[in-house]
Amino acid sequence: MKKTPSIVSFLLLLVLNIFSPSVADQVSDSVQTDFIVCLSTQTNIPQDQLSNIVYAPTNPNYTSVLDAYIRNAQFKTSSTLKPLIIITPQSESHVQATVICTKKVGVQLKIRSGGHDFEGLSYISDTPFFILDMFNFRNITVDVENQSAFVQVGATVGELYFSIWEKSKVHGFPAGVCPTVGIGGHFSGGGYGTLLRKYGLSVDNIFDAQIVDADGRILDRKSMGEDLFWALRGGGGASFGVVLSYSINLVSVPETVTVFRVDRTIEEGATDLVYQWQFVAPLIDKNLVMNLHLHSTTSKTNKGKKTVKASITALYLGNADSLITLLDKKFPELALKKENCTETNWIGSELQWTGHAKSSSPKVLINRNLDSANFLKRKSDYVQTPISKQDLGWIWERMIEQKSVALLLIPYGGRMDEIPASETPFPHRKGNLFKIHYSVNWHKEGDDLEKMYLGQIRLMFSYMTPFVSKNPRSAYLNYRDIDIGVMPEGGDDYKAGRVYGEKYFGVNFDRLVKVKTAVDPENLFRNEQSIPTLPSKV
């Protein structure tokens, strides 16, 4: 679904332009002027000195600032509605002033930290809007003695990993494997990676946060209260305010870890391997995570025919000998050999998981890869019952039909089984064997191409219905998917919010609604899948 102005907005702009071509521009100019005057007053910065903080379309750097953190090329087209203003704060007071002034002029505010939200909800809208881009908030302080760190939301996962590695070779943090993901969205939606089964999610290792609320106040855990602090750890921070930073607990990692990859096609026994993986990966030693990647490919043995390749990519927090001993006992079908394994340190394992060469310097993790965007769509599911070999065979046939769609299966268990569903807003804990991440990418703009690729992933998602969670069919917030429901334009509809809210948050949805109602009753912080406020009667 491509974001375009709503029918009402379109007709309004059409009428304005028919009768007076300059009226619409005058309206936006008036809003921009009022905002800049307000921001200047609030920050004590002269208006003519705001050009490195506020970018209007007339600013020569407007397009480069906007495009830098667009990560889905579907929303980088000429038809995509652009923000009236982009604000790039350099201090906390700038954020406070932005909130106060946005509230005053009555425009929607989108908050962006890294741009990896797959539906672009941090930088697109159907209605006139501002972007508050937090990329300047990238300070990181690592305190090895207290095994903690302070990280601002505009920093990336790669920058956090690099900062930890600079101070300690035996500490890490359970976050994602994509180094350009912004901390703000990643943490506030849950956050997971190769340490998932050992240490849980990113949000399970946060002990404080700072946020600017709807009144422009800066709050920490003590002043915001436990309900809001709970909501910020997996409930989506952009529904409640502007998160500034997180304080996190570092975790211990051994000096030597082991990674490996094993590939099998259908002809090489992939069906048996995947079937057994379902029983082993969620239950094995929590020091081992074995992700399973499935995709259609050309068969090497049956020329001209398509097959499915299953690739197990793993991280073990220990040496190769102990790993092989473990897998010989628990997963002999894998037939892992020492030559298949690579011993490295934790930062080295992260480099290999992101596709870098073994010889790469950890400094590559701090490369932000600006202006890098593919056309893409993502979806998610949770599996609670093993899928039979017969059904796996049927799924292989569907994958070959929908040849561009890949599935990544992430095993749960371990630490995820030990944390109650209500501990944080992220509810997908015990009872889930693994999560499915559906992905499709394409590289050229075009309505026909978009229709084809979106059709493939949606059809594959539909085929998987019998094998995944039900009532509701659960989804992961950080894999944004507007197919599962959206908030009506400019609305605060509890019933509409429940449609997607229960899929993302399960039993925690109503508590999130109560927090939202208490801290942002006017619904200043909203997007197409934000938490609604509580209606007078439910």
Protein backbone atom coordinates (compact mmCIF):
# COMPACT_ATOMS: atom_id res chain seq x y z
CA MET A 1 0.00 0.00 0.00
CA LYS A 2 1.56 3.23 -1.13
CA LYS A 3 0.92 6.29 1.01
CA THR A 4 -1.01 8.93 -0.93
CA PRO A 5 -3.15 11.85 0.24
CA SER A 6 -6.64 10.83 1.35
CA ILE A 7 -9.67 11.58 -0.85
CA VAL A 8 -10.77 14.35 1.51
CA SER A 9 -7.32 15.95 1.55
CA PHE A 10 -7.03 15.61 -2.22
CA LEU A 11 -10.40 17.21 -2.89
CA LEU A 12 -9.64 20.04 -0.49
CA LEU A 13 -6.35 20.78 -2.20
CA LEU A 14 -8.01 20.47 -5.61
CA VAL A 15 -10.69 23.00 -4.66
CA LEU A 16 -8.11 25.37 -3.24
CA ASN A 17 -6.01 25.19 -6.37
CA ILE A 18 -8.96 25.58 -8.76
CA PHE A 19 -10.18 28.77 -7.20
CA SER A 20 -6.83 30.18 -6.14
CA PRO A 21 -3.64 28.31 -7.08
CA SER A 22 -1.72 30.04 -4.29
CA VAL A 23 -4.15 29.37 -1.43
CA ALA A 24 -2.74 25.92 -0.53
CA ASP A 25 0.81 27.30 -0.56
CA GLN A 26 -0.31 30.22 1.57
CA VAL A 27 -1.79 27.83 4.15
CA SER A 28 1.44 25.79 4.39
CA ASP A 29 3.53 28.97 4.43
CA SER A 30 1.44 30.30 7.29
CA VAL A 31 1.89 27.09 9.30
CA GLN A 32 5.64 27.12 8.66
CA THR A 33 5.93 30.76 9.66
CA ASP A 34 3.92 30.29 12.86
CA PHE A 35 6.01 27.24 13.78
CA ILE A 36 9.35 28.94 13.16
CA VAL A 37 8.31 32.03 15.13
CA CYS A 38 7.24 29.79 18.00
CA LEU A 39 10.43 27.70 17.84
CA SER A 40 12.58 30.82 17.81
CA THR A 41 10.76 32.14 20.87
CA GLN A 42 10.98 28.85 22.75
CA THR A 43 14.68 28.28 22.04
CA ASN A 44 15.88 31.91 22.06
CA ILE A 45 17.48 31.29 18.66
CA PRO A 46 16.97 34.05 16.06
CA GLN A 47 14.86 32.88 13.13
CA ASP A 48 17.67 33.47 10.64
CA GLN A 49 19.90 31.10 12.62
CA LEU A 50 17.51 28.13 12.59
CA SER A 51 18.53 26.92 9.12
CA ASN A 52 20.70 24.10 10.48
CA ILE A 53 17.86 22.86 12.68
CA VAL A 54 14.72 23.49 10.61
CA TYR A 55 14.47 22.50 6.95
CA ALA A 56 11.55 23.78 4.88
CA PRO A 57 11.18 22.76 1.21
CA THR A 58 12.86 26.03 0.21
CA ASN A 59 16.02 25.02 2.07
CA PRO A 60 18.58 23.65 -0.46
CA ASN A 61 19.39 20.78 1.93
CA TYR A 62 15.75 19.78 2.49
CA THR A 63 15.72 16.86 0.04
CA SER A 64 19.06 15.42 1.15
CA VAL A 65 18.00 15.53 4.81
CA LEU A 66 14.65 13.91 4.00
CA ASP A 67 16.09 11.18 1.78
CA ALA A 68 19.07 10.30 4.01
CA TYR A 69 17.03 8.03 6.31
CA ILE A 70 14.33 6.79 3.94
CA ARG A 71 14.94 3.03 3.95
CA ASN A 72 11.96 1.90 1.83
CA ALA A 73 12.18 3.21 -1.74
CA GLN A 74 8.40 2.90 -2.14
CA PHE A 75 8.19 6.15 -0.19
CA LYS A 76 10.95 8.00 -2.01
CA THR A 77 8.91 8.77 -5.12
CA SER A 78 7.69 12.10 -6.46
CA SER A 79 4.09 11.17 -5.60
CA THR A 80 4.83 10.64 -1.89
CA LEU A 81 3.51 13.49 0.26
CA LYS A 82 6.48 15.36 1.73
CA PRO A 83 6.72 17.00 5.17
CA LEU A 84 6.06 20.71 5.55
CA ILE A 85 9.14 20.98 7.74
CA ILE A 86 11.93 18.69 8.97
CA ILE A 87 13.29 19.48 12.43
CA THR A 88 16.73 18.08 13.33
CA PRO A 89 17.21 18.96 17.01
CA GLN A 90 20.68 19.28 18.46
CA SER A 91 19.67 19.54 22.12
CA GLU A 92 16.91 18.41 24.42
CA SER A 93 15.52 21.94 24.54
CA HIS A 94 15.04 21.82 20.76
CA VAL A 95 12.92 18.70 21.16
CA GLN A 96 10.87 20.31 23.90
CA ALA A 97 10.30 23.40 21.77
CA THR A 98 9.33 21.27 18.76
CA VAL A 99 6.67 19.44 20.76
CA ILE A 100 5.25 22.66 22.20
CA CYS A 101 5.19 24.47 18.85
CA THR A 102 3.81 21.52 16.88
CA LYS A 103 1.00 21.29 19.38
CA LYS A 104 0.37 25.01 18.96
CA VAL A 105 0.07 24.94 15.16
CA GLY A 106 -1.91 21.68 15.14
CA VAL A 107 0.15 19.68 12.63
CA GLN A 108 0.91 15.96 12.85
CA LEU A 109 4.43 15.18 14.11
CA LYS A 110 6.31 12.12 12.86
CA ILE A 111 9.38 10.99 14.84
CA ARG A 112 12.28 9.32 13.00
CA SER A 113 15.44 7.77 14.45
CA GLY A 114 16.75 5.50 11.71
CA GLY A 115 14.02 5.13 9.13
CA HIS A 116 13.89 1.33 9.20
CA ASP A 117 10.17 1.16 9.99
CA PHE A 118 9.15 -0.94 7.00
CA GLU A 119 5.98 1.04 6.24
CA GLY A 120 7.74 4.40 6.51
CA LEU A 121 5.42 5.56 9.28
CA SER A 122 8.14 7.80 10.74
CA TYR A 123 8.48 9.89 7.60
CA ILE A 124 5.25 9.71 5.55
CA SER A 125 1.62 10.67 6.12
CA ASP A 126 -1.64 11.19 4.28
CA THR A 127 -2.04 14.62 5.89
CA PRO A 128 0.25 17.67 6.29
CA PHE A 129 2.97 16.80 8.79
CA PHE A 130 6.36 17.62 10.29
CA ILE A 131 9.27 15.22 10.78
CA LEU A 132 11.27 15.35 13.99
CA ASP A 133 14.47 13.59 12.94
CA MET A 134 16.59 12.51 15.90
CA PHE A 135 19.77 11.54 13.99
CA ASN A 136 21.86 14.14 15.88
CA PHE A 137 21.03 12.40 19.18
CA ARG A 138 23.78 9.80 18.91
CA ASN A 139 25.79 10.04 22.14
CA ILE A 140 26.82 6.75 23.73
CA THR A 141 28.55 6.33 27.08
CA VAL A 142 29.73 2.88 28.12
CA ASP A 143 30.42 2.18 31.80
CA VAL A 144 32.15 -1.19 31.95
CA GLU A 145 32.65 -1.04 35.72
CA ASN A 146 28.88 -0.89 36.28
CA GLN A 147 28.13 -3.02 33.19
CA SER A 148 25.82 -0.39 31.77
CA ALA A 149 25.56 2.13 28.97
CA PHE A 150 23.69 5.31 28.10
CA VAL A 151 22.57 5.59 24.47
CA GLN A 152 20.60 8.29 22.69
CA VAL A 153 17.86 7.29 20.29
CA GLY A 154 19.52 8.61 17.12
CA ALA A 155 22.50 6.29 17.54
CA THR A 156 22.48 3.10 15.51
CA VAL A 157 22.74 -0.49 16.64
CA GLY A 158 26.13 -0.69 14.92
CA GLU A 159 27.38 2.38 16.76
CA LEU A 160 26.27 0.89 20.08
CA TYR A 161 28.05 -2.40 19.36
CA PHE A 162 31.22 -0.59 18.31
CA SER A 163 31.19 1.60 21.43
CA ILE A 164 30.86 -1.45 23.67
CA TRP A 165 33.64 -3.28 21.80
CA GLU A 166 35.99 -0.30 22.24
CA LYS A 167 35.64 -0.60 26.02
CA SER A 168 35.28 -4.35 26.54
CA LYS A 169 35.78 -7.57 24.59
CA VAL A 170 33.62 -9.59 26.99
CA HIS A 171 30.45 -7.48 26.99
CA GLY A 172 27.67 -7.09 24.47
CA PHE A 173 24.01 -6.18 24.20
CA PRO A 174 21.00 -8.10 22.87
CA ALA A 175 19.89 -6.04 19.89
CA GLY A 176 19.52 -6.53 16.14
CA VAL A 177 21.96 -7.65 13.45
CA CYS A 178 21.28 -4.75 11.08
CA PRO A 179 23.83 -2.08 12.11
CA THR A 180 22.01 0.92 10.55
CA VAL A 181 18.82 0.48 12.57
CA GLY A 182 18.13 3.45 14.85
CA ILE A 183 18.06 2.77 18.58
CA GLY A 184 14.84 4.76 19.08
CA GLY A 185 12.47 2.57 17.12
CA HIS A 186 14.38 -0.66 17.68
CA PHE A 187 14.29 -0.46 21.47
CA SER A 188 10.79 0.94 21.83
CA GLY A 189 9.34 -1.89 19.71
CA GLY A 190 11.16 -4.76 21.41
CA GLY A 191 14.49 -5.37 19.70
CA TYR A 192 16.10 -8.78 19.28
CA GLY A 193 19.15 -10.40 17.76
CA THR A 194 21.61 -13.22 18.19
CA LEU A 195 21.51 -13.02 22.01
CA LEU A 196 17.73 -13.47 22.13
CA ARG A 197 17.67 -16.94 23.67
CA LYS A 198 20.38 -16.12 26.21
CA TYR A 199 19.37 -12.63 27.35
CA GLY A 200 15.96 -11.89 25.83
CA LEU A 201 15.04 -8.69 24.04
CA SER A 202 16.62 -5.26 24.10
CA VAL A 203 13.69 -4.06 26.25
CA ASP A 204 14.42 -6.75 28.83
CA ASN A 205 17.74 -5.06 29.52
CA ILE A 206 16.69 -1.40 29.85
CA PHE A 207 16.66 0.16 33.31
CA ASP A 208 15.90 3.83 32.57
CA ALA A 209 14.75 6.15 29.79
CA GLN A 210 14.21 9.83 29.09
CA ILE A 211 11.21 11.16 27.20
CA VAL A 212 9.67 14.50 26.25
CA ASP A 213 5.95 14.27 26.93
CA ALA A 214 3.02 16.06 25.30
CA ASP A 215 3.53 19.07 27.61
CA GLY A 216 7.20 19.41 26.62
CA ARG A 217 8.53 18.09 29.93
CA ILE A 218 11.63 15.89 30.15
CA LEU A 219 10.87 12.83 32.26
CA ASP A 220 13.02 9.95 33.44
CA ARG A 221 11.85 6.66 34.94
CA LYS A 222 11.28 8.16 38.37
CA SER A 223 9.32 11.20 37.18
CA MET A 224 7.37 9.43 34.41
CA GLY A 225 6.25 6.57 36.65
CA GLU A 226 6.37 2.82 36.13
CA ASP A 227 3.34 2.64 33.81
CA LEU A 228 4.86 4.89 31.16
CA PHE A 229 8.30 3.32 31.61
CA TRP A 230 6.66 -0.08 31.05
CA ALA A 231 4.96 1.20 27.87
CA LEU A 232 8.19 2.53 26.38
CA ARG A 233 9.79 -0.93 26.49
CA GLY A 234 7.98 -2.57 23.61
CA GLY A 235 4.81 -0.51 23.18
CA GLY A 236 6.19 1.84 20.56
CA GLY A 237 7.63 5.04 22.00
CA ALA A 238 6.17 7.29 19.28
CA SER A 239 2.67 6.79 20.73
CA PHE A 240 3.61 8.37 24.04
CA GLY A 241 6.16 11.10 23.41
CA VAL A 242 9.64 11.71 22.04
CA VAL A 243 12.09 9.26 23.61
CA LEU A 244 15.51 10.88 24.04
CA SER A 245 17.66 8.09 25.44
CA TYR A 246 17.85 4.72 27.15
CA SER A 247 20.01 3.40 29.96
CA ILE A 248 20.83 -0.27 29.45
CA ASN A 249 22.47 -3.18 31.19
CA LEU A 250 25.36 -4.75 29.30
CA VAL A 251 25.51 -8.54 29.16
CA SER A 252 28.46 -10.89 29.43
CA VAL A 253 29.79 -12.70 26.37
CA PRO A 254 32.72 -15.17 26.30
CA GLU A 255 36.03 -14.30 24.68
CA THR A 256 35.42 -17.03 22.11
CA VAL A 257 32.14 -17.62 20.30
CA THR A 258 31.40 -19.85 17.32
CA VAL A 259 29.38 -19.22 14.17
CA PHE A 260 28.42 -21.61 11.40
CA ARG A 261 26.17 -21.93 8.37
CA VAL A 262 24.74 -25.13 6.90
CA ASP A 263 22.78 -25.20 3.61
CA ARG A 264 20.46 -27.93 2.37
CA THR A 265 18.10 -28.03 -0.61
CA ILE A 266 15.01 -30.21 -0.83
CA GLU A 267 17.03 -32.77 -2.79
CA GLU A 268 19.66 -32.78 -0.05
CA GLY A 269 17.21 -33.45 2.77
CA ALA A 270 16.00 -29.95 3.68
CA THR A 271 12.55 -31.21 4.63
CA ASP A 272 13.84 -33.60 7.28
CA LEU A 273 16.29 -30.96 8.54
CA VAL A 274 13.65 -28.24 8.89
CA TYR A 275 11.17 -30.61 10.49
CA GLN A 276 13.66 -31.65 13.16
CA TRP A 277 14.89 -28.04 13.60
CA GLN A 278 11.45 -27.15 14.99
CA PHE A 279 11.92 -29.56 17.90
CA VAL A 280 15.55 -28.71 18.61
CA ALA A 281 16.13 -24.98 18.04
CA PRO A 282 13.64 -23.66 20.66
CA LEU A 283 14.65 -26.20 23.34
CA ILE A 284 18.41 -26.55 23.03
CA ASP A 285 20.99 -24.85 25.28
CA LYS A 286 20.16 -21.13 25.48
CA ASN A 287 23.75 -20.29 24.51
CA LEU A 288 22.90 -21.39 20.97
CA VAL A 289 20.65 -19.63 18.48
CA MET A 290 20.04 -21.27 15.09
CA ASN A 291 18.12 -19.08 12.66
CA LEU A 292 16.63 -20.77 9.62
CA HIS A 293 16.42 -18.98 6.26
CA LEU A 294 14.20 -20.41 3.49
CA HIS A 295 14.12 -19.24 -0.10
CA SER A 296 13.43 -20.50 -3.60
CA THR A 297 16.41 -21.18 -5.83
CA THR A 298 17.45 -23.10 -8.94
CA SER A 299 18.22 -26.76 -8.36
CA LYS A 300 21.79 -27.87 -9.03
CA THR A 301 20.80 -31.52 -9.49
CA ASN A 302 17.62 -31.03 -11.52
CA LYS A 303 18.64 -28.47 -14.11
CA GLY A 304 16.05 -25.87 -14.96
CA LYS A 305 13.86 -26.76 -11.99
CA LYS A 306 13.25 -24.73 -8.87
CA THR A 307 13.83 -25.95 -5.35
CA VAL A 308 13.91 -24.53 -1.83
CA LYS A 309 17.12 -23.99 0.08
CA ALA A 310 17.18 -24.10 3.88
CA SER A 311 20.13 -22.31 5.50
CA ILE A 312 20.82 -22.58 9.23
CA THR A 313 22.93 -19.69 10.51
CA ALA A 314 24.02 -19.99 14.12
CA LEU A 315 25.82 -18.32 16.99
CA TYR A 316 27.07 -20.31 19.96
CA LEU A 317 28.45 -18.60 23.06
CA GLY A 318 31.35 -21.00 23.42
CA ASN A 319 34.03 -22.79 21.43
CA ALA A 320 33.59 -25.07 18.42
CA ASP A 321 34.44 -28.32 20.21
CA SER A 322 31.73 -27.90 22.84
CA LEU A 323 29.27 -26.85 20.13
CA ILE A 324 29.90 -29.97 18.06
CA THR A 325 29.55 -32.17 21.14
CA LEU A 326 26.21 -30.49 21.90
CA LEU A 327 24.84 -30.82 18.36
CA ASP A 328 26.04 -34.40 17.89
CA LYS A 329 23.79 -35.26 20.82
CA LYS A 330 20.84 -32.91 20.26
CA PHE A 331 20.77 -32.44 16.47
CA PRO A 332 22.66 -35.26 14.71
CA GLU A 333 20.66 -34.60 11.51
CA LEU A 334 22.74 -31.45 11.08
CA ALA A 335 25.99 -33.46 10.87
CA LEU A 336 28.02 -30.41 11.81
CA LYS A 337 31.79 -30.65 11.36
CA LYS A 338 34.48 -28.46 12.88
CA GLU A 339 35.49 -27.23 9.44
CA ASN A 340 31.98 -25.75 9.12
CA CYS A 341 32.62 -23.58 12.20
CA THR A 342 34.39 -20.29 12.71
CA GLU A 343 35.64 -19.25 16.14
CA THR A 344 35.72 -15.52 16.72
CA ASN A 345 34.76 -12.94 19.36
CA TRP A 346 31.30 -11.47 19.83
CA ILE A 347 31.88 -8.38 17.69
CA GLY A 348 33.32 -10.65 15.01
CA SER A 349 30.17 -12.75 15.06
CA GLU A 350 28.06 -9.64 14.51
CA LEU A 351 30.24 -8.68 11.54
CA GLN A 352 29.76 -12.10 9.98
CA TRP A 353 26.01 -12.07 10.56
CA THR A 354 25.81 -8.77 8.69
CA GLY A 355 27.71 -10.23 5.74
CA HIS A 356 31.11 -8.64 6.29
CA ALA A 357 34.34 -10.47 5.59
CA LYS A 358 36.16 -12.11 8.51
CA SER A 359 38.97 -9.58 8.13
CA SER A 360 36.65 -6.55 8.37
CA SER A 361 37.30 -3.95 11.03
CA PRO A 362 34.51 -3.37 13.57
CA LYS A 363 34.53 0.23 12.34
CA VAL A 364 32.33 -0.85 9.43
CA LEU A 365 29.50 -1.10 11.95
CA ILE A 366 29.39 2.69 12.34
CA ASN A 367 28.76 3.30 8.63
CA ARG A 368 25.23 4.72 8.40
CA ASN A 369 24.81 3.94 4.69
CA LEU A 370 22.83 7.10 4.04
CA ASP A 371 20.42 7.21 1.09
CA SER A 372 20.35 3.40 0.85
CA ALA A 373 16.83 2.20 0.12
CA ASN A 374 15.35 -0.87 -1.56
CA PHE A 375 11.75 -1.40 -2.54
CA LEU A 376 10.49 -3.83 0.07
CA LYS A 377 7.66 -5.35 2.07
CA ARG A 378 7.84 -7.27 5.34
CA LYS A 379 5.36 -9.33 7.35
CA SER A 380 5.54 -11.53 10.47
CA ASP A 381 3.98 -14.53 12.18
CA TYR A 382 4.42 -16.76 15.23
CA VAL A 383 4.36 -20.56 15.16
CA GLN A 384 3.27 -22.49 18.24
CA THR A 385 2.93 -26.05 16.89
CA PRO A 386 5.48 -27.92 14.75
CA ILE A 387 4.61 -28.13 11.06
CA SER A 388 4.44 -31.66 9.66
CA LYS A 389 6.71 -32.94 6.91
CA GLN A 390 3.74 -33.23 4.58
CA ASP A 391 2.77 -29.62 5.23
CA LEU A 392 6.38 -28.50 4.80
CA GLY A 393 6.33 -30.11 1.36
CA TRP A 394 3.19 -28.16 0.52
CA ILE A 395 4.84 -24.94 1.76
CA TRP A 396 7.86 -25.62 -0.49
CA GLU A 397 5.53 -25.78 -3.50
CA ARG A 398 3.97 -22.46 -2.53
CA MET A 399 7.38 -20.87 -2.04
CA ILE A 400 8.48 -22.00 -5.49
CA GLU A 401 5.30 -20.41 -6.91
CA GLN A 402 5.89 -17.15 -5.01
CA LYS A 403 9.54 -17.29 -5.93
CA SER A 404 10.65 -13.87 -4.64
CA VAL A 405 9.47 -14.34 -1.06
CA ALA A 406 11.95 -15.45 1.61
CA LEU A 407 11.13 -16.70 5.11
CA LEU A 408 13.39 -16.27 8.12
CA LEU A 409 12.53 -18.46 11.12
CA ILE A 410 13.86 -17.21 14.48
CA PRO A 411 13.70 -19.75 17.34
CA TYR A 412 12.45 -18.72 20.76
CA GLY A 413 12.76 -20.63 24.03
CA GLY A 414 15.58 -20.06 26.49
CA ARG A 415 15.27 -16.69 28.22
CA MET A 416 12.09 -15.93 26.25
CA ASP A 417 10.32 -18.74 28.09
CA GLU A 418 11.30 -17.27 31.46
CA ILE A 419 9.79 -13.78 31.14
CA PRO A 420 6.02 -13.31 31.64
CA ALA A 421 4.04 -11.91 28.69
CA SER A 422 3.00 -8.90 30.77
CA GLU A 423 6.52 -7.98 31.95
CA THR A 424 6.81 -5.59 29.00
CA PRO A 425 4.28 -4.68 26.27
CA PHE A 426 5.95 -7.28 24.01
CA PRO A 427 3.75 -10.35 24.69
CA HIS A 428 5.23 -13.00 22.39
CA ARG A 429 7.09 -15.10 24.91
CA LYS A 430 6.45 -18.63 26.19
CA GLY A 431 4.39 -20.83 23.91
CA ASN A 432 5.97 -19.64 20.67
CA LEU A 433 8.38 -22.04 19.00
CA PHE A 434 9.60 -19.50 16.48
CA LYS A 435 8.83 -16.28 14.66
CA ILE A 436 8.54 -16.00 10.89
CA HIS A 437 9.86 -12.93 9.11
CA TYR A 438 8.56 -12.71 5.53
CA SER A 439 10.49 -10.53 3.12
CA VAL A 440 10.40 -9.48 -0.50
CA ASN A 441 12.63 -6.93 -2.26
CA TRP A 442 12.68 -5.38 -5.70
CA HIS A 443 14.94 -2.80 -7.28
CA LYS A 444 12.96 -0.74 -9.76
CA GLU A 445 10.05 1.66 -9.44
CA GLY A 446 6.83 0.74 -11.24
CA ASP A 447 3.22 0.05 -10.37
CA ASP A 448 3.25 -3.34 -12.10
CA LEU A 449 6.37 -4.45 -10.26
CA GLU A 450 5.00 -3.27 -6.93
CA LYS A 451 1.72 -5.07 -7.54
CA MET A 452 3.53 -8.29 -8.45
CA TYR A 453 5.88 -8.36 -5.46
CA LEU A 454 3.29 -7.26 -2.93
CA GLY A 455 0.94 -9.87 -4.35
CA GLN A 456 3.53 -12.58 -3.86
CA ILE A 457 4.23 -11.85 -0.21
CA ARG A 458 0.57 -11.37 0.66
CA LEU A 459 -0.33 -14.65 -1.01
CA MET A 460 2.47 -16.48 0.80
CA PHE A 461 1.29 -14.97 4.06
CA SER A 462 -2.22 -16.21 3.30
CA TYR A 463 -0.96 -19.73 2.57
CA MET A 464 0.67 -19.88 6.01
CA THR A 465 -2.59 -19.21 7.88
CA PRO A 466 -3.19 -22.82 9.03
CA PHE A 467 0.25 -23.10 10.60
CA VAL A 468 0.54 -19.94 12.69
CA SER A 469 -0.94 -18.36 15.83
CA LYS A 470 -4.67 -17.61 15.90
CA ASN A 471 -7.15 -15.41 17.77
CA PRO A 472 -5.34 -13.16 17.21
CA ARG A 473 -2.86 -13.96 14.49
CA SER A 474 0.08 -12.29 16.20
CA ALA A 475 2.61 -9.89 14.65
CA TYR A 476 5.82 -8.15 15.71
CA LEU A 477 5.64 -4.36 16.06
CA ASN A 478 9.11 -3.74 14.64
CA TYR A 479 8.06 -5.53 11.45
CA ARG A 480 5.46 -2.86 10.71
CA ASP A 481 2.69 -4.16 8.47
CA ILE A 482 -0.25 -1.92 7.58
CA ASP A 483 -2.04 -4.89 6.01
CA ILE A 484 -3.13 -5.97 9.51
CA GLY A 485 -5.02 -2.73 10.22
CA VAL A 486 -4.62 1.02 10.34
CA MET A 487 -5.98 3.98 12.24
CA PRO A 488 -8.41 6.16 10.20
CA GLU A 489 -6.88 9.42 9.05
CA GLY A 490 -6.40 11.88 11.87
CA GLY A 491 -8.43 9.63 14.12
CA ASP A 492 -8.26 8.23 17.60
CA ASP A 493 -10.43 5.18 17.08
CA TYR A 494 -10.24 2.58 19.83
CA LYS A 495 -11.95 -0.10 17.76
CA ALA A 496 -9.65 0.45 14.79
CA GLY A 497 -6.63 0.47 17.11
CA ARG A 498 -7.68 -2.81 18.68
CA VAL A 499 -7.61 -4.55 15.28
CA TYR A 500 -3.85 -4.21 14.92
CA GLY A 501 -3.12 -3.52 18.59
CA GLU A 502 -4.10 -6.97 19.83
CA LYS A 503 -1.99 -8.57 17.08
CA TYR A 504 1.07 -6.63 18.16
CA PHE A 505 0.47 -6.51 21.91
CA GLY A 506 -1.98 -9.28 22.82
CA VAL A 507 -3.19 -9.04 26.42
CA ASN A 508 -1.13 -5.87 26.93
CA PHE A 509 -3.11 -3.72 24.50
CA ASP A 510 -5.65 -2.39 27.00
CA ARG A 511 -2.95 -1.42 29.50
CA LEU A 512 -1.17 0.49 26.73
CA VAL A 513 -4.41 2.31 25.94
CA LYS A 514 -4.77 3.34 29.58
CA VAL A 515 -1.19 4.66 29.65
CA LYS A 516 -1.75 6.55 26.40
CA THR A 517 -4.95 8.11 27.75
CA ALA A 518 -3.17 9.25 30.89
CA VAL A 519 -0.06 10.76 29.28
CA ASP A 520 -1.35 12.01 25.89
CA PRO A 521 -5.13 12.50 26.13
CA GLU A 522 -5.16 14.88 23.13
CA ASN A 523 -3.42 12.27 20.95
CA LEU A 524 -0.60 14.56 19.86
CA PHE A 525 1.69 11.57 19.26
CA ARG A 526 -0.04 9.48 16.64
CA ASN A 527 0.58 7.55 13.48
CA GLU A 528 -1.22 5.02 11.31
CA GLN A 529 -0.69 2.28 13.90
CA SER A 530 -0.36 4.20 17.14
CA ILE A 531 -2.02 3.40 20.46
CA PRO A 532 -5.45 5.07 20.72
CA THR A 533 -6.83 6.76 23.80
CA LEU A 534 -9.58 5.21 25.86
CA PRO A 535 -13.11 6.18 24.73
CA SER A 536 -15.72 7.20 27.28
CA LYS A 537 -17.47 3.89 26.71
CA VAL A 538 -15.81 0.74 25.40
